[in-house]
Amino acid sequence: RENITENPLIWNGASKGHTFFTGSISYQPDPGASFSAYAYPNPASRGEVRIRVLNADDTIKLKIFDIAGNLVYDCQIANEPAAEQDIRWDTSAIASGMYFGIVKSAGKTVRVPIAIEY
């Protein structure tokens, strides 16, 4: 009944009377939200860990270190207009242990603890 025309999220649903609605919603980030990041799943098993970055203002830089301080992963991605972005880290060749990621964007830094267990 109501037409929503903005993208990128499209929703389809039905009411009790089987009337179907189709529309899309444009996400508007909260300007007061702070820059943050976290890993999931955490602890992770062999395969993949995602680092979710929230409210980045510029290019996102991620470095992951082992507990001894050795760099084991390094990447940089362009900031998208969405308020959250995922960075995938392939852990199939990584030993069990504690790691920590340093996520930077626009002069802000967040430390992310990551546990890998097999």
N, C-alpha and C. Protein backbone atom coordinates (compact mmCIF):
# COMPACT_ATOMS: atom_id res chain seq x y z
N ARG A 1 0.81 -1.19 0.00
CA ARG A 1 0.00 0.00 0.00
C ARG A 1 0.85 1.25 0.00
N GLU A 2 2.00 1.17 0.67
CA GLU A 2 2.91 2.30 0.68
C GLU A 2 4.10 1.95 -0.20
N ASN A 3 4.49 2.85 -1.06
CA ASN A 3 5.60 2.57 -1.96
C ASN A 3 6.85 3.24 -1.44
N ILE A 4 7.87 2.43 -1.15
CA ILE A 4 9.16 2.93 -0.69
C ILE A 4 10.12 2.68 -1.84
N THR A 5 10.80 3.71 -2.31
CA THR A 5 11.53 3.58 -3.56
C THR A 5 13.05 3.57 -3.44
N GLU A 6 13.62 3.81 -2.29
CA GLU A 6 15.07 3.88 -2.19
C GLU A 6 15.67 2.49 -2.02
N ASN A 7 16.95 2.33 -2.40
CA ASN A 7 17.67 1.07 -2.25
C ASN A 7 18.67 1.20 -1.12
N PRO A 8 19.39 0.22 -0.66
CA PRO A 8 19.71 -1.06 -1.27
C PRO A 8 18.95 -2.25 -0.69
N LEU A 9 18.24 -2.12 0.40
CA LEU A 9 17.61 -3.25 1.04
C LEU A 9 16.20 -3.42 0.52
N ILE A 10 15.89 -4.60 0.00
CA ILE A 10 14.55 -4.85 -0.52
C ILE A 10 13.87 -5.84 0.41
N TRP A 11 12.62 -5.57 0.74
CA TRP A 11 11.85 -6.42 1.65
C TRP A 11 10.57 -6.84 0.98
N ASN A 12 10.26 -8.12 1.10
CA ASN A 12 8.99 -8.65 0.61
C ASN A 12 8.30 -9.33 1.77
N GLY A 13 7.04 -9.11 1.96
CA GLY A 13 6.32 -9.74 3.06
C GLY A 13 4.85 -9.83 2.77
N ALA A 14 4.14 -10.49 3.65
CA ALA A 14 2.70 -10.65 3.48
C ALA A 14 2.01 -10.38 4.80
N SER A 15 0.84 -9.81 4.74
CA SER A 15 0.04 -9.59 5.94
C SER A 15 -0.91 -10.77 6.11
N LYS A 16 -1.70 -10.76 7.16
CA LYS A 16 -2.66 -11.84 7.40
C LYS A 16 -3.63 -12.03 6.26
N GLY A 17 -4.01 -10.95 5.62
CA GLY A 17 -4.96 -11.02 4.52
C GLY A 17 -4.31 -11.38 3.19
N HIS A 18 -3.04 -11.80 3.21
CA HIS A 18 -2.30 -12.21 2.02
C HIS A 18 -2.09 -11.09 1.02
N THR A 19 -2.05 -9.87 1.49
CA THR A 19 -1.70 -8.75 0.64
C THR A 19 -0.19 -8.61 0.68
N PHE A 20 0.45 -8.60 -0.48
CA PHE A 20 1.90 -8.54 -0.52
C PHE A 20 2.39 -7.10 -0.67
N PHE A 21 3.48 -6.82 0.03
CA PHE A 21 4.10 -5.51 -0.02
C PHE A 21 5.53 -5.68 -0.53
N THR A 22 5.97 -4.80 -1.36
CA THR A 22 7.35 -4.80 -1.83
C THR A 22 7.87 -3.39 -1.73
N GLY A 23 9.06 -3.26 -1.22
CA GLY A 23 9.66 -1.94 -1.11
C GLY A 23 11.12 -2.06 -0.78
N SER A 24 11.78 -0.98 -0.60
CA SER A 24 13.18 -0.97 -0.23
C SER A 24 13.43 0.16 0.75
N ILE A 25 14.49 0.00 1.51
CA ILE A 25 14.80 0.97 2.56
C ILE A 25 16.26 1.37 2.42
N SER A 26 16.54 2.63 2.49
CA SER A 26 17.90 3.12 2.46
C SER A 26 18.39 3.30 3.89
N TYR A 27 19.51 2.66 4.23
CA TYR A 27 20.06 2.76 5.58
C TYR A 27 20.71 4.12 5.77
N GLN A 28 20.37 4.78 6.84
CA GLN A 28 20.97 6.06 7.18
C GLN A 28 21.79 5.89 8.45
N PRO A 29 23.13 5.93 8.36
CA PRO A 29 23.94 5.73 9.55
C PRO A 29 23.70 6.82 10.60
N ASP A 30 23.85 6.44 11.84
CA ASP A 30 23.70 7.36 12.96
C ASP A 30 24.95 8.23 13.03
N PRO A 31 24.84 9.53 12.83
CA PRO A 31 26.03 10.39 12.83
C PRO A 31 26.74 10.42 14.18
N GLY A 32 26.06 10.05 15.26
CA GLY A 32 26.68 10.04 16.58
C GLY A 32 27.30 8.72 16.95
N ALA A 33 27.16 7.70 16.09
CA ALA A 33 27.69 6.37 16.40
C ALA A 33 29.22 6.39 16.33
N SER A 34 29.84 5.62 17.20
CA SER A 34 31.29 5.61 17.26
C SER A 34 31.89 4.48 16.45
N PHE A 35 33.13 4.65 16.05
CA PHE A 35 33.89 3.66 15.30
C PHE A 35 34.19 2.48 16.21
N SER A 36 33.89 1.26 15.74
CA SER A 36 34.18 0.06 16.53
C SER A 36 34.37 -1.12 15.60
N ALA A 37 34.84 -2.24 16.17
CA ALA A 37 35.05 -3.46 15.40
C ALA A 37 35.03 -4.64 16.34
N TYR A 38 34.64 -5.81 15.81
CA TYR A 38 34.68 -7.05 16.59
C TYR A 38 34.84 -8.22 15.63
N ALA A 39 35.28 -9.37 16.18
CA ALA A 39 35.49 -10.58 15.39
C ALA A 39 34.37 -11.57 15.67
N TYR A 40 33.96 -12.31 14.63
CA TYR A 40 33.00 -13.38 14.81
C TYR A 40 33.22 -14.43 13.72
N PRO A 41 33.01 -15.70 13.99
CA PRO A 41 32.80 -16.23 15.33
C PRO A 41 34.08 -16.08 16.14
N ASN A 42 33.93 -15.98 17.42
CA ASN A 42 35.08 -15.80 18.30
C ASN A 42 34.80 -16.48 19.63
N PRO A 43 35.43 -17.59 19.95
CA PRO A 43 36.56 -18.19 19.25
C PRO A 43 36.14 -18.84 17.94
N ALA A 44 37.10 -18.92 17.03
CA ALA A 44 36.84 -19.48 15.71
C ALA A 44 37.58 -20.79 15.55
N SER A 45 37.06 -21.65 14.69
CA SER A 45 37.77 -22.87 14.35
C SER A 45 38.35 -22.72 12.95
N ARG A 46 38.96 -23.77 12.46
CA ARG A 46 39.62 -23.70 11.14
C ARG A 46 38.64 -23.20 10.08
N GLY A 47 39.06 -22.27 9.29
CA GLY A 47 38.21 -21.76 8.22
C GLY A 47 38.31 -20.26 8.05
N GLU A 48 37.40 -19.53 8.69
CA GLU A 48 37.31 -18.10 8.44
C GLU A 48 36.83 -17.36 9.67
N VAL A 49 37.39 -16.19 9.86
CA VAL A 49 36.93 -15.24 10.87
C VAL A 49 36.55 -13.97 10.12
N ARG A 50 35.49 -13.34 10.55
CA ARG A 50 35.11 -12.05 9.98
C ARG A 50 35.34 -10.96 11.02
N ILE A 51 35.92 -9.89 10.57
CA ILE A 51 36.09 -8.71 11.40
C ILE A 51 35.04 -7.71 10.92
N ARG A 52 34.06 -7.45 11.77
CA ARG A 52 33.02 -6.48 11.41
C ARG A 52 33.46 -5.10 11.88
N VAL A 53 33.49 -4.15 10.96
CA VAL A 53 33.89 -2.78 11.25
C VAL A 53 32.65 -1.90 11.14
N LEU A 54 32.41 -1.12 12.18
CA LEU A 54 31.23 -0.27 12.26
C LEU A 54 31.61 1.21 12.23
N ASN A 55 30.92 1.97 11.42
CA ASN A 55 31.03 3.43 11.39
C ASN A 55 32.42 3.96 11.05
N ALA A 56 33.06 3.35 10.05
CA ALA A 56 34.35 3.85 9.58
C ALA A 56 34.13 5.10 8.74
N ASP A 57 35.03 6.06 8.87
CA ASP A 57 34.90 7.32 8.13
C ASP A 57 35.78 7.39 6.89
N ASP A 58 36.72 6.45 6.75
CA ASP A 58 37.68 6.50 5.66
C ASP A 58 38.12 5.08 5.34
N THR A 59 39.17 4.93 4.55
CA THR A 59 39.73 3.62 4.24
C THR A 59 39.98 2.85 5.52
N ILE A 60 39.68 1.54 5.49
CA ILE A 60 39.85 0.69 6.67
C ILE A 60 41.13 -0.11 6.51
N LYS A 61 41.99 -0.05 7.51
CA LYS A 61 43.24 -0.81 7.52
C LYS A 61 43.17 -1.82 8.67
N LEU A 62 43.48 -3.08 8.36
CA LEU A 62 43.46 -4.14 9.36
C LEU A 62 44.80 -4.85 9.37
N LYS A 63 45.38 -4.98 10.54
CA LYS A 63 46.59 -5.78 10.74
C LYS A 63 46.29 -6.74 11.88
N ILE A 64 46.63 -8.03 11.69
CA ILE A 64 46.42 -9.03 12.72
C ILE A 64 47.78 -9.58 13.13
N PHE A 65 47.98 -9.66 14.46
CA PHE A 65 49.24 -10.10 15.04
C PHE A 65 49.01 -11.32 15.91
N ASP A 66 50.03 -12.19 16.00
CA ASP A 66 49.95 -13.29 16.96
C ASP A 66 50.35 -12.75 18.33
N ILE A 67 50.30 -13.61 19.34
CA ILE A 67 50.55 -13.16 20.71
C ILE A 67 52.00 -12.68 20.91
N ALA A 68 52.92 -13.12 20.03
CA ALA A 68 54.31 -12.69 20.12
C ALA A 68 54.55 -11.37 19.39
N GLY A 69 53.52 -10.84 18.74
CA GLY A 69 53.66 -9.57 18.04
C GLY A 69 54.04 -9.69 16.58
N ASN A 70 54.04 -10.92 16.04
CA ASN A 70 54.36 -11.12 14.63
C ASN A 70 53.14 -10.82 13.76
N LEU A 71 53.35 -10.06 12.69
CA LEU A 71 52.27 -9.75 11.78
C LEU A 71 51.90 -11.00 10.98
N VAL A 72 50.62 -11.41 11.03
CA VAL A 72 50.18 -12.61 10.30
C VAL A 72 49.17 -12.28 9.20
N TYR A 73 48.61 -11.07 9.20
CA TYR A 73 47.64 -10.68 8.18
C TYR A 73 47.62 -9.17 8.08
N ASP A 74 47.52 -8.67 6.86
CA ASP A 74 47.52 -7.22 6.63
C ASP A 74 46.63 -6.93 5.42
N CYS A 75 45.67 -6.03 5.57
CA CYS A 75 44.84 -5.66 4.42
C CYS A 75 44.31 -4.25 4.58
N GLN A 76 43.84 -3.73 3.47
CA GLN A 76 43.25 -2.39 3.43
C GLN A 76 42.07 -2.46 2.48
N ILE A 77 40.92 -1.91 2.90
CA ILE A 77 39.75 -1.90 2.03
C ILE A 77 39.17 -0.49 2.00
N ALA A 78 38.53 -0.19 0.90
CA ALA A 78 37.87 1.11 0.75
C ALA A 78 36.61 1.13 1.61
N ASN A 79 36.34 2.25 2.19
CA ASN A 79 35.13 2.41 3.00
C ASN A 79 33.91 2.48 2.09
N GLU A 80 32.89 1.71 2.41
CA GLU A 80 31.63 1.72 1.68
C GLU A 80 30.66 2.65 2.41
N PRO A 81 29.59 3.09 1.75
CA PRO A 81 28.64 3.98 2.41
C PRO A 81 27.87 3.32 3.56
N ALA A 82 27.83 1.99 3.62
CA ALA A 82 27.12 1.31 4.70
C ALA A 82 27.83 1.54 6.03
N ALA A 83 27.09 1.45 7.11
CA ALA A 83 27.66 1.69 8.44
C ALA A 83 28.48 0.51 8.93
N GLU A 84 28.33 -0.68 8.31
CA GLU A 84 29.10 -1.84 8.74
C GLU A 84 29.67 -2.57 7.54
N GLN A 85 30.89 -3.08 7.71
CA GLN A 85 31.57 -3.83 6.67
C GLN A 85 32.27 -5.03 7.31
N ASP A 86 32.35 -6.12 6.56
CA ASP A 86 33.04 -7.32 7.03
C ASP A 86 34.33 -7.51 6.26
N ILE A 87 35.38 -7.86 6.99
CA ILE A 87 36.65 -8.25 6.40
C ILE A 87 36.84 -9.72 6.73
N ARG A 88 37.04 -10.55 5.72
CA ARG A 88 37.20 -11.99 5.93
C ARG A 88 38.67 -12.34 6.05
N TRP A 89 39.00 -13.13 7.08
CA TRP A 89 40.36 -13.60 7.30
C TRP A 89 40.35 -15.11 7.23
N ASP A 90 41.07 -15.67 6.26
CA ASP A 90 41.17 -17.12 6.10
C ASP A 90 42.12 -17.66 7.16
N THR A 91 41.61 -18.48 8.07
CA THR A 91 42.42 -19.00 9.18
C THR A 91 42.80 -20.47 8.97
N SER A 92 42.62 -21.00 7.76
CA SER A 92 42.89 -22.42 7.52
C SER A 92 44.36 -22.78 7.72
N ALA A 93 45.27 -21.85 7.56
CA ALA A 93 46.69 -22.13 7.75
C ALA A 93 47.24 -21.50 9.03
N ILE A 94 46.35 -21.08 9.93
CA ILE A 94 46.74 -20.41 11.16
C ILE A 94 46.69 -21.39 12.33
N ALA A 95 47.69 -21.34 13.19
CA ALA A 95 47.74 -22.22 14.37
C ALA A 95 46.75 -21.75 15.44
N SER A 96 46.32 -22.68 16.27
CA SER A 96 45.47 -22.32 17.41
C SER A 96 46.21 -21.32 18.29
N GLY A 97 45.48 -20.39 18.88
CA GLY A 97 46.10 -19.42 19.77
C GLY A 97 45.33 -18.12 19.82
N MET A 98 45.92 -17.17 20.51
CA MET A 98 45.34 -15.84 20.65
C MET A 98 45.99 -14.90 19.64
N TYR A 99 45.17 -14.10 19.03
CA TYR A 99 45.61 -13.10 18.06
C TYR A 99 44.91 -11.79 18.39
N PHE A 100 45.42 -10.71 17.87
CA PHE A 100 44.71 -9.45 18.02
C PHE A 100 44.82 -8.65 16.74
N GLY A 101 43.71 -8.03 16.39
CA GLY A 101 43.67 -7.19 15.21
C GLY A 101 43.70 -5.73 15.61
N ILE A 102 44.35 -4.95 14.79
CA ILE A 102 44.35 -3.49 14.94
C ILE A 102 43.63 -2.94 13.72
N VAL A 103 42.48 -2.30 13.95
CA VAL A 103 41.67 -1.73 12.88
C VAL A 103 41.79 -0.22 12.97
N LYS A 104 42.15 0.41 11.84
CA LYS A 104 42.31 1.86 11.80
C LYS A 104 41.48 2.46 10.67
N SER A 105 40.91 3.62 10.95
CA SER A 105 40.19 4.39 9.94
C SER A 105 40.10 5.84 10.40
N ALA A 106 40.50 6.74 9.54
CA ALA A 106 40.42 8.18 9.80
C ALA A 106 41.03 8.58 11.14
N GLY A 107 42.20 8.03 11.46
CA GLY A 107 42.89 8.39 12.69
C GLY A 107 42.36 7.72 13.94
N LYS A 108 41.35 6.87 13.82
CA LYS A 108 40.79 6.14 14.97
C LYS A 108 41.30 4.71 14.93
N THR A 109 41.53 4.13 16.12
CA THR A 109 42.07 2.78 16.22
C THR A 109 41.25 1.96 17.20
N VAL A 110 41.01 0.69 16.82
CA VAL A 110 40.31 -0.25 17.69
C VAL A 110 41.12 -1.54 17.73
N ARG A 111 41.26 -2.12 18.91
CA ARG A 111 41.94 -3.41 19.08
C ARG A 111 40.89 -4.50 19.20
N VAL A 112 41.05 -5.59 18.44
CA VAL A 112 40.09 -6.68 18.39
C VAL A 112 40.77 -7.99 18.79
N PRO A 113 40.41 -8.60 19.93
CA PRO A 113 40.98 -9.90 20.29
C PRO A 113 40.32 -11.02 19.47
N ILE A 114 41.13 -12.00 19.07
CA ILE A 114 40.63 -13.11 18.26
C ILE A 114 41.24 -14.40 18.80
N ALA A 115 40.41 -15.39 19.07
CA ALA A 115 40.88 -16.71 19.52
C ALA A 115 40.63 -17.72 18.40
N ILE A 116 41.66 -18.51 18.07
CA ILE A 116 41.54 -19.57 17.09
C ILE A 116 41.77 -20.88 17.83
N GLU A 117 40.83 -21.82 17.71
CA GLU A 117 40.99 -23.11 18.35
C GLU A 117 40.58 -24.22 17.40
N TYR A 118 41.36 -25.32 17.43
CA TYR A 118 41.06 -26.47 16.57
C TYR A 118 40.81 -27.68 17.43
